[in-house]
Amino acid sequence: MGSSQSISASNASVNARGSIVIVVGASQGIGRGVAARFAQAGAEVWIVVRNAQRGNDQLKELRSLVPSSSPQPRLFVADLNIVADLRRVVEEISTAAGDRGVDYLIQTQGGPPNAYDVAPNQDGFDSHFAVQVFSRVFLAYHLRDLVKHSSMAIMAAGEGKKPFNVDDITLEGSKARGEYGMFGESTSRDVTVIDSAWIELAKISTAQFTHLFPGIVRTAVLANSGQSSIVVWIHWLAGFVIGQTVESYAEIPFYLTANPEGRKLIEREGGWLNENLKKLAPSPASEDVATRKIIWSWLQNKMK
């Protein structure tokens, strides 16, 4: 199993009716495709977005895809850049889920950092780290007792370096040098923080924690994050030549969560995979126990 055709064929027989999936960042890009795929399979889809208008537009689209008699999708609006709003949406989701819980949490929010967008928010984080990294850990942590089957992060995986400066997790040094961007230290840092959190969260949850590298998918993520026109153009060209559409790519996270075959694959191979379902290793720094513990302790203090 690995080709998009075989994955899609396996998924064709999967009926997700009766399950609840939370898709964070579902108003566009990969999240939009994943939410649509679950809706088509009859799942009850709860989307979490920042922009209410885009969220309502997506809600209408999802309603058009849901089979008759299946539960209607639901919208939660939250500014994932702000901890107070993260707390509020966790409470709203927890109330909505009740004792039933949810089956899957799939997080796709955020994008690469912009070197010119480094001003700290009210919580002390730049917007990239707040949304791409911290919000994912926060939601996975505070919803861990609700999620019954799978908690998935879709972003760069299998990268990072073993040396990790635990005294500068927010990369203030890189920002001061004007080196904070998608080609700097941030990817290694992002992956290491997520992997450290996922390893620790797996110890205190019954759900599978998966870190999935999407590869190249045809989205507007670089343009939306304010990258240079040449970088945006190269990404567009690569997506056109070798990338997947969001609809095609959505079969992969659907396979790894809603499809029993995919869940068994994760049990065999572990939770780090690429778009071809090839096993990846966690960030080397996250596999160092001392480093991981410091990162996890830092995150827990920020999540209080």
Protein backbone atom coordinates (compact mmCIF):
# COMPACT_ATOMS: atom_id res chain seq x y z
CA MET A 1 0.00 0.00 0.00
CA GLY A 2 1.42 3.40 -0.88
CA SER A 3 0.26 4.62 -4.27
CA SER A 4 -2.54 7.16 -4.35
CA GLN A 5 -4.59 4.78 -6.50
CA SER A 6 -4.35 1.87 -4.05
CA ILE A 7 -5.06 4.11 -1.07
CA SER A 8 -8.09 5.61 -2.77
CA ALA A 9 -9.35 2.14 -3.73
CA SER A 10 -9.02 0.93 -0.15
CA ASN A 11 -10.81 4.02 1.15
CA ALA A 12 -13.72 3.59 -1.26
CA SER A 13 -15.36 0.99 0.95
CA VAL A 14 -14.89 2.91 4.21
CA ASN A 15 -18.07 4.30 5.73
CA ALA A 16 -17.27 6.89 8.39
CA ARG A 17 -20.87 7.42 9.49
CA GLY A 18 -21.12 7.50 13.26
CA SER A 19 -17.68 9.02 13.73
CA ILE A 20 -16.74 12.61 14.57
CA VAL A 21 -13.67 14.27 13.09
CA ILE A 22 -12.27 17.66 14.07
CA VAL A 23 -10.31 19.30 11.26
CA VAL A 24 -8.37 22.40 12.30
CA GLY A 25 -7.50 24.86 9.54
CA ALA A 26 -10.30 23.58 7.32
CA SER A 27 -11.25 26.75 5.46
CA GLN A 28 -8.68 26.19 2.71
CA GLY A 29 -5.84 24.02 1.49
CA ILE A 30 -5.19 20.56 2.90
CA GLY A 31 -7.66 21.01 5.75
CA ARG A 32 -10.44 21.86 3.34
CA GLY A 33 -9.74 18.70 1.35
CA VAL A 34 -9.60 16.50 4.45
CA ALA A 35 -12.88 17.89 5.80
CA ALA A 36 -14.56 17.28 2.44
CA ARG A 37 -13.31 13.69 2.28
CA PHE A 38 -14.72 12.86 5.70
CA ALA A 39 -18.02 14.54 4.87
CA GLN A 40 -18.33 12.43 1.73
CA ALA A 41 -17.82 9.32 3.87
CA GLY A 42 -20.68 10.29 6.17
CA ALA A 43 -18.66 11.45 9.19
CA GLU A 44 -19.80 14.27 11.42
CA VAL A 45 -17.24 16.95 10.55
CA TRP A 46 -16.37 19.70 13.01
CA ILE A 47 -14.18 22.40 11.51
CA VAL A 48 -12.09 24.93 13.42
CA VAL A 49 -11.15 28.08 11.50
CA ARG A 50 -10.04 31.63 12.24
CA ASN A 51 -12.15 33.45 9.65
CA ALA A 52 -15.89 33.13 10.26
CA GLN A 53 -16.89 34.02 6.70
CA ARG A 54 -14.57 31.43 5.19
CA GLY A 55 -15.76 28.96 7.77
CA ASN A 56 -19.40 29.49 6.84
CA ASP A 57 -18.54 29.14 3.15
CA GLN A 58 -16.82 25.85 3.91
CA LEU A 59 -19.78 24.75 6.01
CA LYS A 60 -22.08 25.22 3.02
CA GLU A 61 -19.74 23.17 0.84
CA LEU A 62 -19.57 20.38 3.40
CA ARG A 63 -23.37 20.29 3.71
CA SER A 64 -23.58 19.71 -0.02
CA LEU A 65 -21.28 16.68 0.30
CA VAL A 66 -22.82 14.95 3.31
CA PRO A 67 -24.94 11.92 2.40
CA SER A 68 -28.61 12.11 3.32
CA SER A 69 -29.42 11.22 6.94
CA SER A 70 -25.79 11.81 7.99
CA PRO A 71 -25.05 14.36 10.75
CA GLN A 72 -24.52 17.93 9.60
CA PRO A 73 -21.08 19.57 9.88
CA ARG A 74 -20.35 22.05 12.64
CA LEU A 75 -18.30 25.24 12.76
CA PHE A 76 -16.04 26.48 15.57
CA VAL A 77 -14.36 29.86 15.15
CA ALA A 78 -11.15 30.63 17.02
CA ASP A 79 -8.09 32.81 16.61
CA LEU A 80 -5.42 30.12 16.93
CA ASN A 81 -2.81 32.84 17.46
CA ILE A 82 -4.11 33.56 20.97
CA VAL A 83 -4.05 31.20 23.96
CA ALA A 84 -7.25 32.63 25.43
CA ASP A 85 -9.12 31.78 22.24
CA LEU A 86 -7.60 28.30 22.21
CA ARG A 87 -8.93 27.77 25.73
CA ARG A 88 -12.38 28.95 24.69
CA VAL A 89 -12.62 26.67 21.68
CA VAL A 90 -11.40 23.70 23.73
CA GLU A 91 -14.25 24.34 26.17
CA GLU A 92 -16.76 24.65 23.31
CA ILE A 93 -15.58 21.41 21.70
CA SER A 94 -15.52 19.58 25.02
CA THR A 95 -19.08 20.67 25.76
CA ALA A 96 -20.25 19.63 22.30
CA ALA A 97 -18.53 16.24 22.54
CA GLY A 98 -19.66 15.43 26.05
CA ASP A 99 -19.14 11.84 27.16
CA ARG A 100 -19.26 10.66 23.56
CA GLY A 101 -15.89 12.16 22.69
CA VAL A 102 -14.55 12.47 19.15
CA ASP A 103 -12.85 9.94 16.95
CA TYR A 104 -10.17 11.94 15.11
CA LEU A 105 -8.34 15.24 15.51
CA ILE A 106 -6.52 16.35 12.35
CA GLN A 107 -4.54 19.60 12.44
CA THR A 108 -3.44 21.41 9.30
CA GLN A 109 -3.29 25.04 10.45
CA GLY A 110 -0.49 27.48 9.83
CA GLY A 111 2.33 27.71 7.33
CA PRO A 112 5.99 28.70 7.01
CA PRO A 113 7.32 31.73 8.88
CA ASN A 114 7.73 35.15 7.36
CA ALA A 115 10.96 36.89 8.31
CA TYR A 116 9.09 40.20 8.62
CA ASP A 117 6.38 38.87 10.92
CA VAL A 118 8.21 38.29 14.18
CA ALA A 119 6.49 40.68 16.59
CA PRO A 120 5.33 38.82 19.70
CA ASN A 121 1.62 38.45 20.36
CA GLN A 122 0.08 38.88 23.80
CA ASP A 123 1.43 35.46 24.78
CA GLY A 124 4.97 36.26 23.61
CA PHE A 125 4.92 34.17 20.42
CA ASP A 126 5.38 35.19 16.81
CA SER A 127 2.31 34.30 14.72
CA HIS A 128 4.01 31.42 12.89
CA PHE A 129 5.04 29.59 16.04
CA ALA A 130 1.73 30.38 17.73
CA VAL A 131 -0.40 28.86 14.98
CA GLN A 132 1.81 26.27 13.24
CA VAL A 133 3.29 24.77 16.39
CA PHE A 134 1.91 25.89 19.74
CA SER A 135 -1.79 25.76 18.84
CA ARG A 136 -1.36 22.18 17.59
CA VAL A 137 0.26 21.06 20.83
CA PHE A 138 -2.28 22.97 22.91
CA LEU A 139 -5.29 21.44 21.17
CA ALA A 140 -3.83 17.94 21.13
CA TYR A 141 -2.98 18.20 24.83
CA HIS A 142 -6.25 19.66 26.07
CA LEU A 143 -8.42 17.45 23.88
CA ARG A 144 -6.43 14.26 24.51
CA ASP A 145 -9.07 12.67 26.72
CA LEU A 146 -11.79 13.29 24.10
CA VAL A 147 -9.96 11.83 21.09
CA LYS A 148 -10.57 8.08 20.90
CA HIS A 149 -8.60 6.95 17.85
CA SER A 150 -6.19 9.35 16.12
CA SER A 151 -4.53 12.72 16.70
CA MET A 152 -2.64 13.83 13.60
CA ALA A 153 -0.38 16.75 12.70
CA ILE A 154 0.10 17.39 8.97
CA MET A 155 3.31 19.38 8.44
CA ALA A 156 6.99 18.83 7.75
CA ALA A 157 8.24 15.67 9.46
CA GLY A 158 11.35 13.51 9.54
CA GLU A 159 13.62 16.55 9.69
CA GLY A 160 15.61 18.37 12.32
CA LYS A 161 19.06 18.30 13.84
CA LYS A 162 20.26 16.68 17.03
CA PRO A 163 21.78 19.84 18.52
CA PHE A 164 18.85 21.88 19.88
CA ASN A 165 19.06 25.07 21.90
CA VAL A 166 16.56 24.49 24.69
CA ASP A 167 17.27 28.02 25.94
CA ASP A 168 15.89 29.60 22.76
CA ILE A 169 12.87 27.57 21.69
CA THR A 170 11.17 30.62 20.18
CA LEU A 171 14.35 31.39 18.16
CA GLU A 172 14.78 34.95 19.37
CA GLY A 173 18.44 34.79 18.33
CA SER A 174 17.49 33.86 14.78
CA LYS A 175 14.99 36.72 14.68
CA ALA A 176 17.56 39.21 15.94
CA ARG A 177 19.95 38.16 13.16
CA GLY A 178 17.23 38.49 10.52
CA GLU A 179 17.43 34.76 9.77
CA TYR A 180 13.94 33.72 10.84
CA GLY A 181 12.27 32.27 7.75
CA MET A 182 11.26 29.10 5.98
CA PHE A 183 14.86 28.32 5.01
CA GLY A 184 16.37 28.90 8.45
CA GLU A 185 16.24 27.11 11.80
CA SER A 186 12.48 27.27 12.08
CA THR A 187 11.62 24.01 10.31
CA SER A 188 14.03 22.03 12.47
CA ARG A 189 12.64 23.73 15.59
CA ASP A 190 9.00 23.21 14.54
CA VAL A 191 9.49 19.53 13.85
CA THR A 192 11.44 18.95 17.06
CA VAL A 193 8.80 20.64 19.22
CA ILE A 194 5.91 18.75 17.60
CA ASP A 195 7.74 15.43 17.78
CA SER A 196 8.68 15.96 21.41
CA ALA A 197 5.07 16.75 22.26
CA TRP A 198 3.70 13.82 20.24
CA ILE A 199 6.04 11.33 21.93
CA GLU A 200 5.03 12.57 25.38
CA LEU A 201 1.32 12.82 24.53
CA ALA A 202 1.27 9.24 23.28
CA LYS A 203 2.25 8.15 26.79
CA ILE A 204 -0.81 9.75 28.41
CA SER A 205 -3.44 9.07 25.76
CA THR A 206 -5.04 6.01 24.20
CA ALA A 207 -5.13 7.66 20.76
CA GLN A 208 -2.54 7.14 18.02
CA PHE A 209 -0.35 10.23 17.55
CA THR A 210 0.73 10.65 13.94
CA HIS A 211 3.08 13.19 12.35
CA LEU A 212 2.48 13.17 8.61
CA PHE A 213 4.70 14.90 6.05
CA PRO A 214 2.44 15.99 3.16
CA GLY A 215 5.13 16.45 0.54
CA ILE A 216 4.08 18.84 -2.21
CA VAL A 217 0.38 19.65 -2.36
CA ARG A 218 -1.17 22.29 -4.58
CA THR A 219 -2.19 24.93 -2.05
CA ALA A 220 -1.74 28.66 -1.57
CA VAL A 221 0.06 28.23 1.74
CA LEU A 222 3.22 30.10 0.69
CA ALA A 223 1.34 33.00 -0.83
CA ASN A 224 -0.87 33.22 2.25
CA SER A 225 2.15 33.37 4.56
CA GLY A 226 3.67 36.27 2.66
CA GLN A 227 6.62 34.51 1.02
CA SER A 228 8.48 36.14 -1.85
CA SER A 229 6.98 35.95 -5.32
CA ILE A 230 9.83 33.77 -6.62
CA VAL A 231 9.34 31.23 -3.80
CA VAL A 232 5.59 31.21 -4.41
CA TRP A 233 6.15 30.71 -8.15
CA ILE A 234 8.60 27.82 -7.62
CA HIS A 235 6.16 26.15 -5.24
CA TRP A 236 3.31 26.59 -7.72
CA LEU A 237 5.41 25.10 -10.53
CA ALA A 238 6.51 22.14 -8.38
CA GLY A 239 2.92 21.55 -7.35
CA PHE A 240 1.77 21.63 -10.95
CA VAL A 241 4.48 19.23 -12.12
CA ILE A 242 4.82 16.73 -9.27
CA GLY A 243 2.37 17.80 -6.56
CA GLN A 244 -0.98 16.38 -5.59
CA THR A 245 -4.31 18.15 -5.52
CA VAL A 246 -5.84 18.63 -2.09
CA GLU A 247 -8.56 16.15 -3.06
CA SER A 248 -6.04 13.46 -3.96
CA TYR A 249 -3.90 14.11 -0.92
CA ALA A 250 -6.89 14.00 1.45
CA GLU A 251 -7.13 10.26 0.83
CA ILE A 252 -3.93 9.76 2.84
CA PRO A 253 -4.96 11.22 6.22
CA PHE A 254 -8.38 9.64 5.71
CA TYR A 255 -6.68 6.28 5.18
CA LEU A 256 -4.51 6.63 8.28
CA THR A 257 -7.41 7.56 10.55
CA ALA A 258 -10.79 6.28 9.33
CA ASN A 259 -9.53 3.21 7.46
CA PRO A 260 -8.66 0.24 9.75
CA GLU A 261 -5.90 -0.77 7.30
CA GLY A 262 -4.23 2.60 7.81
CA ARG A 263 -4.47 2.44 11.57
CA LYS A 264 -2.81 -0.98 11.49
CA LEU A 265 -0.03 0.47 9.32
CA ILE A 266 0.68 3.08 12.00
CA GLU A 267 0.76 0.36 14.65
CA ARG A 268 3.38 -1.50 12.61
CA GLU A 269 5.48 1.39 11.39
CA GLY A 270 5.00 4.05 14.06
CA GLY A 271 3.42 7.47 13.77
CA TRP A 272 5.97 9.21 11.51
CA LEU A 273 5.20 8.84 7.81
CA ASN A 274 5.51 10.70 4.52
CA GLU A 275 3.00 11.07 1.70
CA ASN A 276 4.07 7.70 0.29
CA LEU A 277 3.43 6.05 3.67
CA LYS A 278 7.13 5.45 4.12
CA LYS A 279 8.37 5.37 7.68
CA LEU A 280 10.19 8.44 8.93
CA ALA A 281 12.15 8.93 12.13
CA PRO A 282 11.21 11.61 14.65
CA SER A 283 13.48 14.62 14.87
CA PRO A 284 16.83 13.47 16.31
CA ALA A 285 16.64 16.06 19.08
CA SER A 286 13.22 14.80 20.18
CA GLU A 287 14.66 11.30 20.61
CA ASP A 288 17.16 12.64 23.12
CA VAL A 289 15.31 12.14 26.39
CA ALA A 290 16.84 15.09 28.23
CA THR A 291 16.14 17.51 25.38
CA ARG A 292 12.61 16.22 24.90
CA LYS A 293 11.79 16.51 28.60
CA ILE A 294 12.94 20.14 28.69
CA ILE A 295 10.85 21.01 25.63
CA TRP A 296 7.80 19.21 27.03
CA SER A 297 8.16 20.93 30.41
CA TRP A 298 8.42 24.31 28.66
CA LEU A 299 5.28 23.58 26.64
CA GLN A 300 3.33 22.43 29.68
CA ASN A 301 4.19 25.65 31.53
CA LYS A 302 2.93 27.67 28.57
CA MET A 303 -0.27 25.62 28.36
CA LYS A 304 -1.31 26.11 32.00
